[in-house]
Amino acid sequence: MKFRIISSKNEILDLNQNERMVHLAFRPSNMDFVNLMNRCPRLRAIQIPPSYNKTVSKAVIPFLEMQGIELLEGDVWGHRKDIDEYYVIDLTTLEEIDALISKGVNIKETVVQIQAKSRLPPDLIKYIAKAKITT
């Protein structure tokens, strides 16, 4: 699983229309969210840093939910965009999440166990776990 790192609002227009997950490394405005949804109709999750989450307009959240897009809080630790524009979640971590969910471990406990082994943010682990449950 991978998601695209977007460093500035200028990059939104250059995105692949098939992007499903993105991380916004800039403070987005309401218009940035609209432009992102228009450019990427298959978008399912947007991750923003915790400090930016406090400034997101409360009007945007219901609009994202109506479009089926989850707003996740989290950082991308150790990622260098000059090397790769995508942050990749390693297969081992995805398999561990899948194994825990398959065993019947609840999402909260899955988050605790995976966070102890990786630097993934809790919201991202929850998102992946929910996706595993519904598939």
N, C-alpha and C. Protein backbone atom coordinates (compact mmCIF):
# COMPACT_ATOMS: atom_id res chain seq x y z
N MET A 1 0.86 -1.17 0.00
CA MET A 1 0.00 0.00 0.00
C MET A 1 0.90 1.23 0.00
N LYS A 2 0.49 2.22 -0.79
CA LYS A 2 1.28 3.44 -0.84
C LYS A 2 0.34 4.63 -0.95
N PHE A 3 0.86 5.78 -0.53
CA PHE A 3 0.10 6.99 -0.74
C PHE A 3 0.99 8.13 -1.17
N ARG A 4 0.43 9.01 -1.95
CA ARG A 4 1.15 10.10 -2.58
C ARG A 4 1.35 11.23 -1.58
N ILE A 5 2.57 11.75 -1.54
CA ILE A 5 2.89 12.91 -0.71
C ILE A 5 2.74 14.15 -1.57
N ILE A 6 1.96 15.10 -1.08
CA ILE A 6 1.74 16.36 -1.79
C ILE A 6 2.32 17.48 -0.93
N SER A 7 3.35 18.14 -1.46
CA SER A 7 4.06 19.17 -0.69
C SER A 7 3.48 20.56 -0.82
N SER A 8 2.77 20.82 -1.90
CA SER A 8 2.18 22.15 -2.08
C SER A 8 0.91 22.06 -2.90
N LYS A 9 0.09 23.09 -2.80
CA LYS A 9 -1.17 23.11 -3.54
C LYS A 9 -0.95 23.10 -5.05
N ASN A 10 0.22 23.54 -5.49
CA ASN A 10 0.52 23.55 -6.92
C ASN A 10 0.62 22.13 -7.49
N GLU A 11 0.92 21.15 -6.67
CA GLU A 11 1.06 19.77 -7.13
C GLU A 11 -0.28 19.08 -7.37
N ILE A 12 -1.36 19.62 -6.85
CA ILE A 12 -2.67 18.98 -6.98
C ILE A 12 -3.05 18.78 -8.44
N LEU A 13 -2.81 19.77 -9.27
CA LEU A 13 -3.19 19.68 -10.68
C LEU A 13 -2.37 18.66 -11.45
N ASP A 14 -1.20 18.26 -10.92
CA ASP A 14 -0.33 17.30 -11.60
C ASP A 14 -0.55 15.87 -11.12
N LEU A 15 -1.48 15.65 -10.20
CA LEU A 15 -1.70 14.32 -9.66
C LEU A 15 -2.31 13.37 -10.68
N ASN A 16 -2.00 12.11 -10.51
CA ASN A 16 -2.63 11.05 -11.29
C ASN A 16 -4.09 10.98 -10.83
N GLN A 17 -5.01 10.87 -11.76
CA GLN A 17 -6.43 10.85 -11.40
C GLN A 17 -6.83 9.59 -10.64
N ASN A 18 -5.99 8.58 -10.63
CA ASN A 18 -6.30 7.32 -9.95
C ASN A 18 -5.79 7.25 -8.52
N GLU A 19 -5.25 8.33 -8.00
CA GLU A 19 -4.75 8.33 -6.62
C GLU A 19 -5.90 7.99 -5.68
N ARG A 20 -5.62 7.12 -4.72
CA ARG A 20 -6.64 6.71 -3.75
C ARG A 20 -6.33 7.24 -2.35
N MET A 21 -5.04 7.43 -2.05
CA MET A 21 -4.63 7.95 -0.74
C MET A 21 -3.56 9.01 -0.95
N VAL A 22 -3.69 10.12 -0.20
CA VAL A 22 -2.69 11.17 -0.28
C VAL A 22 -2.37 11.69 1.12
N HIS A 23 -1.17 12.24 1.25
CA HIS A 23 -0.77 12.93 2.47
C HIS A 23 -0.50 14.37 2.09
N LEU A 24 -1.16 15.31 2.75
CA LEU A 24 -0.95 16.73 2.47
C LEU A 24 0.10 17.26 3.44
N ALA A 25 1.25 17.63 2.91
CA ALA A 25 2.34 18.15 3.73
C ALA A 25 2.32 19.67 3.76
N PHE A 26 1.19 20.26 3.45
CA PHE A 26 0.99 21.70 3.54
C PHE A 26 -0.36 21.95 4.20
N ARG A 27 -0.57 23.17 4.65
CA ARG A 27 -1.83 23.49 5.33
C ARG A 27 -2.91 23.76 4.27
N PRO A 28 -3.85 22.82 4.10
CA PRO A 28 -4.83 22.95 3.01
C PRO A 28 -5.98 23.90 3.35
N SER A 29 -6.45 24.58 2.32
CA SER A 29 -7.66 25.40 2.46
C SER A 29 -8.84 24.55 2.00
N ASN A 30 -10.04 25.07 2.20
CA ASN A 30 -11.24 24.36 1.72
C ASN A 30 -11.17 24.13 0.21
N MET A 31 -10.67 25.13 -0.51
CA MET A 31 -10.56 25.02 -1.96
C MET A 31 -9.55 23.94 -2.36
N ASP A 32 -8.50 23.75 -1.58
CA ASP A 32 -7.53 22.70 -1.87
C ASP A 32 -8.19 21.32 -1.78
N PHE A 33 -9.06 21.13 -0.79
CA PHE A 33 -9.78 19.86 -0.67
C PHE A 33 -10.69 19.64 -1.88
N VAL A 34 -11.39 20.69 -2.29
CA VAL A 34 -12.29 20.59 -3.45
C VAL A 34 -11.48 20.27 -4.70
N ASN A 35 -10.38 20.97 -4.92
CA ASN A 35 -9.54 20.72 -6.09
C ASN A 35 -9.00 19.29 -6.08
N LEU A 36 -8.63 18.81 -4.91
CA LEU A 36 -8.11 17.45 -4.78
C LEU A 36 -9.18 16.42 -5.12
N MET A 37 -10.39 16.63 -4.63
CA MET A 37 -11.49 15.70 -4.93
C MET A 37 -11.86 15.73 -6.41
N ASN A 38 -11.80 16.91 -7.02
CA ASN A 38 -12.10 17.01 -8.45
C ASN A 38 -11.03 16.33 -9.29
N ARG A 39 -9.78 16.49 -8.90
CA ARG A 39 -8.67 15.90 -9.66
C ARG A 39 -8.60 14.38 -9.50
N CYS A 40 -8.93 13.89 -8.32
CA CYS A 40 -8.80 12.46 -8.00
C CYS A 40 -10.16 11.89 -7.58
N PRO A 41 -11.00 11.52 -8.53
CA PRO A 41 -12.35 11.05 -8.18
C PRO A 41 -12.37 9.73 -7.41
N ARG A 42 -11.29 8.97 -7.45
CA ARG A 42 -11.23 7.68 -6.72
C ARG A 42 -10.62 7.82 -5.33
N LEU A 43 -10.38 9.02 -4.91
CA LEU A 43 -9.74 9.27 -3.61
C LEU A 43 -10.57 8.68 -2.48
N ARG A 44 -9.91 8.00 -1.54
CA ARG A 44 -10.59 7.37 -0.41
C ARG A 44 -10.07 7.85 0.94
N ALA A 45 -8.84 8.41 0.97
CA ALA A 45 -8.28 8.87 2.25
C ALA A 45 -7.32 10.02 2.02
N ILE A 46 -7.41 11.00 2.92
CA ILE A 46 -6.49 12.13 2.94
C ILE A 46 -5.88 12.18 4.33
N GLN A 47 -4.56 12.15 4.39
CA GLN A 47 -3.88 12.24 5.68
C GLN A 47 -3.25 13.62 5.80
N ILE A 48 -3.42 14.23 6.98
CA ILE A 48 -2.80 15.52 7.25
C ILE A 48 -2.10 15.45 8.60
N PRO A 49 -1.04 16.26 8.79
CA PRO A 49 -0.35 16.27 10.08
C PRO A 49 -1.27 16.73 11.20
N PRO A 50 -1.02 16.24 12.42
CA PRO A 50 -1.88 16.61 13.56
C PRO A 50 -2.02 18.12 13.76
N SER A 51 -0.95 18.88 13.54
CA SER A 51 -1.03 20.32 13.76
C SER A 51 -1.95 20.99 12.74
N TYR A 52 -2.08 20.43 11.55
CA TYR A 52 -2.97 20.99 10.53
C TYR A 52 -4.42 20.59 10.78
N ASN A 53 -4.61 19.46 11.42
CA ASN A 53 -5.97 18.96 11.66
C ASN A 53 -6.78 19.94 12.49
N LYS A 54 -6.12 20.66 13.36
CA LYS A 54 -6.82 21.62 14.22
C LYS A 54 -7.36 22.80 13.44
N THR A 55 -6.79 23.07 12.26
CA THR A 55 -7.21 24.24 11.49
C THR A 55 -8.10 23.89 10.30
N VAL A 56 -8.41 22.62 10.11
CA VAL A 56 -9.30 22.22 9.02
C VAL A 56 -10.71 22.71 9.33
N SER A 57 -11.32 23.32 8.36
CA SER A 57 -12.67 23.83 8.51
C SER A 57 -13.63 22.69 8.85
N LYS A 58 -14.48 22.92 9.82
CA LYS A 58 -15.46 21.91 10.21
C LYS A 58 -16.48 21.65 9.09
N ALA A 59 -16.59 22.58 8.14
CA ALA A 59 -17.50 22.40 7.01
C ALA A 59 -16.96 21.37 6.02
N VAL A 60 -15.66 21.18 5.95
CA VAL A 60 -15.05 20.27 5.00
C VAL A 60 -15.28 18.81 5.40
N ILE A 61 -15.27 18.52 6.67
CA ILE A 61 -15.35 17.13 7.14
C ILE A 61 -16.63 16.42 6.67
N PRO A 62 -17.82 17.00 6.85
CA PRO A 62 -19.03 16.32 6.33
C PRO A 62 -19.01 16.17 4.81
N PHE A 63 -18.45 17.15 4.12
CA PHE A 63 -18.36 17.08 2.67
C PHE A 63 -17.47 15.91 2.24
N LEU A 64 -16.34 15.73 2.93
CA LEU A 64 -15.46 14.59 2.64
C LEU A 64 -16.18 13.28 2.91
N GLU A 65 -16.88 13.21 4.04
CA GLU A 65 -17.62 12.00 4.39
C GLU A 65 -18.69 11.66 3.36
N MET A 66 -19.36 12.68 2.83
CA MET A 66 -20.38 12.45 1.80
C MET A 66 -19.76 11.86 0.53
N GLN A 67 -18.51 12.20 0.29
CA GLN A 67 -17.80 11.69 -0.89
C GLN A 67 -17.14 10.33 -0.62
N GLY A 68 -17.25 9.84 0.63
CA GLY A 68 -16.63 8.56 0.98
C GLY A 68 -15.14 8.66 1.22
N ILE A 69 -14.67 9.86 1.59
CA ILE A 69 -13.24 10.09 1.82
C ILE A 69 -13.01 10.27 3.31
N GLU A 70 -12.06 9.50 3.85
CA GLU A 70 -11.72 9.62 5.27
C GLU A 70 -10.59 10.61 5.46
N LEU A 71 -10.70 11.46 6.47
CA LEU A 71 -9.65 12.39 6.83
C LEU A 71 -8.88 11.76 7.98
N LEU A 72 -7.61 11.45 7.72
CA LEU A 72 -6.76 10.79 8.71
C LEU A 72 -5.74 11.78 9.25
N GLU A 73 -5.39 11.59 10.50
CA GLU A 73 -4.38 12.43 11.14
C GLU A 73 -3.09 11.61 11.25
N GLY A 74 -1.97 12.20 10.83
CA GLY A 74 -0.71 11.49 10.96
C GLY A 74 0.42 12.12 10.16
N ASP A 75 1.62 11.69 10.47
CA ASP A 75 2.82 12.17 9.80
C ASP A 75 3.45 11.03 9.01
N VAL A 76 4.35 11.38 8.11
CA VAL A 76 5.12 10.38 7.37
C VAL A 76 6.57 10.52 7.84
N TRP A 77 6.93 9.70 8.81
CA TRP A 77 8.24 9.78 9.44
C TRP A 77 9.33 9.27 8.52
N GLY A 78 10.38 10.05 8.39
CA GLY A 78 11.57 9.62 7.67
C GLY A 78 11.42 9.58 6.16
N HIS A 79 10.32 10.08 5.63
CA HIS A 79 10.13 10.06 4.19
C HIS A 79 10.81 11.26 3.54
N ARG A 80 11.51 11.00 2.44
CA ARG A 80 12.15 12.08 1.68
C ARG A 80 11.52 12.15 0.30
N LYS A 81 10.80 13.22 0.05
CA LYS A 81 10.09 13.37 -1.21
C LYS A 81 11.04 13.52 -2.39
N ASP A 82 12.26 14.00 -2.13
CA ASP A 82 13.21 14.13 -3.24
C ASP A 82 13.66 12.77 -3.77
N ILE A 83 13.45 11.71 -2.99
CA ILE A 83 13.80 10.36 -3.41
C ILE A 83 12.59 9.65 -4.01
N ASP A 84 11.44 9.77 -3.38
CA ASP A 84 10.24 9.10 -3.86
C ASP A 84 9.02 9.93 -3.48
N GLU A 85 8.12 10.11 -4.43
CA GLU A 85 6.92 10.91 -4.16
C GLU A 85 5.84 10.11 -3.45
N TYR A 86 6.05 8.81 -3.26
CA TYR A 86 5.10 7.96 -2.56
C TYR A 86 5.68 7.45 -1.25
N TYR A 87 4.84 7.37 -0.24
CA TYR A 87 5.19 6.72 1.02
C TYR A 87 4.61 5.32 0.94
N VAL A 88 5.44 4.32 1.15
CA VAL A 88 5.01 2.94 1.00
C VAL A 88 4.95 2.27 2.36
N ILE A 89 3.81 1.64 2.63
CA ILE A 89 3.65 0.85 3.85
C ILE A 89 4.08 -0.57 3.51
N ASP A 90 5.06 -1.07 4.24
CA ASP A 90 5.63 -2.36 3.85
C ASP A 90 4.64 -3.51 3.99
N LEU A 91 4.85 -4.49 3.17
CA LEU A 91 3.96 -5.64 3.08
C LEU A 91 3.86 -6.40 4.40
N THR A 92 4.96 -6.47 5.13
CA THR A 92 4.96 -7.18 6.41
C THR A 92 3.96 -6.56 7.38
N THR A 93 3.94 -5.24 7.45
CA THR A 93 3.01 -4.55 8.34
C THR A 93 1.57 -4.80 7.91
N LEU A 94 1.32 -4.75 6.61
CA LEU A 94 -0.03 -5.01 6.11
C LEU A 94 -0.47 -6.44 6.44
N GLU A 95 0.45 -7.38 6.31
CA GLU A 95 0.14 -8.78 6.63
C GLU A 95 -0.13 -8.96 8.12
N GLU A 96 0.62 -8.23 8.97
CA GLU A 96 0.39 -8.31 10.41
C GLU A 96 -0.99 -7.78 10.78
N ILE A 97 -1.37 -6.66 10.16
CA ILE A 97 -2.70 -6.10 10.42
C ILE A 97 -3.76 -7.10 9.97
N ASP A 98 -3.59 -7.66 8.79
CA ASP A 98 -4.54 -8.63 8.25
C ASP A 98 -4.65 -9.85 9.17
N ALA A 99 -3.51 -10.34 9.67
CA ALA A 99 -3.51 -11.51 10.55
C ALA A 99 -4.25 -11.22 11.86
N LEU A 100 -4.01 -10.05 12.43
CA LEU A 100 -4.68 -9.69 13.68
C LEU A 100 -6.19 -9.58 13.49
N ILE A 101 -6.60 -8.93 12.41
CA ILE A 101 -8.03 -8.78 12.13
C ILE A 101 -8.66 -10.14 11.87
N SER A 102 -7.95 -11.00 11.14
CA SER A 102 -8.46 -12.35 10.84
C SER A 102 -8.64 -13.19 12.10
N LYS A 103 -7.77 -12.94 13.10
CA LYS A 103 -7.87 -13.67 14.37
C LYS A 103 -9.00 -13.14 15.24
N GLY A 104 -9.60 -12.03 14.85
CA GLY A 104 -10.70 -11.47 15.63
C GLY A 104 -10.27 -10.40 16.63
N VAL A 105 -9.01 -9.96 16.53
CA VAL A 105 -8.54 -8.89 17.43
C VAL A 105 -9.26 -7.60 17.03
N ASN A 106 -9.76 -6.86 18.03
CA ASN A 106 -10.49 -5.63 17.70
C ASN A 106 -9.52 -4.56 17.19
N ILE A 107 -10.10 -3.53 16.59
CA ILE A 107 -9.28 -2.49 15.94
C ILE A 107 -8.40 -1.75 16.93
N LYS A 108 -8.92 -1.44 18.12
CA LYS A 108 -8.13 -0.72 19.11
C LYS A 108 -6.88 -1.50 19.51
N GLU A 109 -7.04 -2.79 19.75
CA GLU A 109 -5.90 -3.63 20.12
C GLU A 109 -4.94 -3.80 18.94
N THR A 110 -5.48 -3.87 17.75
CA THR A 110 -4.64 -3.95 16.55
C THR A 110 -3.77 -2.71 16.43
N VAL A 111 -4.35 -1.55 16.68
CA VAL A 111 -3.59 -0.29 16.62
C VAL A 111 -2.45 -0.32 17.64
N VAL A 112 -2.74 -0.75 18.85
CA VAL A 112 -1.72 -0.80 19.90
C VAL A 112 -0.57 -1.72 19.49
N GLN A 113 -0.91 -2.91 19.01
CA GLN A 113 0.12 -3.89 18.66
C GLN A 113 0.96 -3.44 17.46
N ILE A 114 0.32 -2.88 16.44
CA ILE A 114 1.05 -2.45 15.24
C ILE A 114 1.88 -1.21 15.53
N GLN A 115 1.35 -0.31 16.33
CA GLN A 115 2.11 0.90 16.65
C GLN A 115 3.37 0.58 17.45
N ALA A 116 3.34 -0.47 18.23
CA ALA A 116 4.52 -0.87 18.99
C ALA A 116 5.64 -1.35 18.07
N LYS A 117 5.27 -1.83 16.88
CA LYS A 117 6.26 -2.37 15.94
C LYS A 117 6.62 -1.41 14.82
N SER A 118 5.74 -0.47 14.52
CA SER A 118 5.98 0.43 13.39
C SER A 118 5.74 1.87 13.83
N ARG A 119 6.04 2.79 12.94
CA ARG A 119 5.81 4.20 13.23
C ARG A 119 4.57 4.73 12.53
N LEU A 120 3.67 3.83 12.16
CA LEU A 120 2.44 4.25 11.50
C LEU A 120 1.53 4.97 12.49
N PRO A 121 0.87 6.03 12.05
CA PRO A 121 -0.06 6.74 12.93
C PRO A 121 -1.33 5.91 13.17
N PRO A 122 -1.95 6.07 14.33
CA PRO A 122 -3.13 5.29 14.68
C PRO A 122 -4.26 5.37 13.66
N ASP A 123 -4.54 6.56 13.14
CA ASP A 123 -5.63 6.70 12.17
C ASP A 123 -5.38 5.87 10.91
N LEU A 124 -4.13 5.80 10.48
CA LEU A 124 -3.80 5.02 9.29
C LEU A 124 -3.97 3.53 9.56
N ILE A 125 -3.56 3.08 10.73
CA ILE A 125 -3.72 1.67 11.09
C ILE A 125 -5.21 1.32 11.15
N LYS A 126 -6.02 2.21 11.74
CA LYS A 126 -7.47 1.99 11.80
C LYS A 126 -8.06 1.90 10.39
N TYR A 127 -7.62 2.79 9.52
CA TYR A 127 -8.12 2.81 8.14
C TYR A 127 -7.81 1.50 7.44
N ILE A 128 -6.57 1.01 7.59
CA ILE A 128 -6.16 -0.24 6.95
C ILE A 128 -6.95 -1.40 7.55
N ALA A 129 -7.11 -1.41 8.88
CA ALA A 129 -7.84 -2.49 9.54
C ALA A 129 -9.30 -2.53 9.09
N LYS A 130 -9.94 -1.37 8.99
CA LYS A 130 -11.33 -1.30 8.52
C LYS A 130 -11.42 -1.83 7.09
N ALA A 131 -10.44 -1.49 6.27
CA ALA A 131 -10.43 -1.96 4.88
C ALA A 131 -10.30 -3.49 4.84
N LYS A 132 -9.51 -4.05 5.76
CA LYS A 132 -9.35 -5.51 5.80
C LYS A 132 -10.64 -6.18 6.25
N ILE A 133 -11.36 -5.53 7.15
CA ILE A 133 -12.62 -6.10 7.65
C ILE A 133 -13.67 -6.14 6.55
N THR A 134 -13.73 -5.07 5.74
CA THR A 134 -14.77 -4.99 4.73
C THR A 134 -14.47 -5.77 3.45
N THR A 135 -13.24 -6.24 3.31
CA THR A 135 -12.92 -7.02 2.09
C THR A 135 -13.02 -8.50 2.31
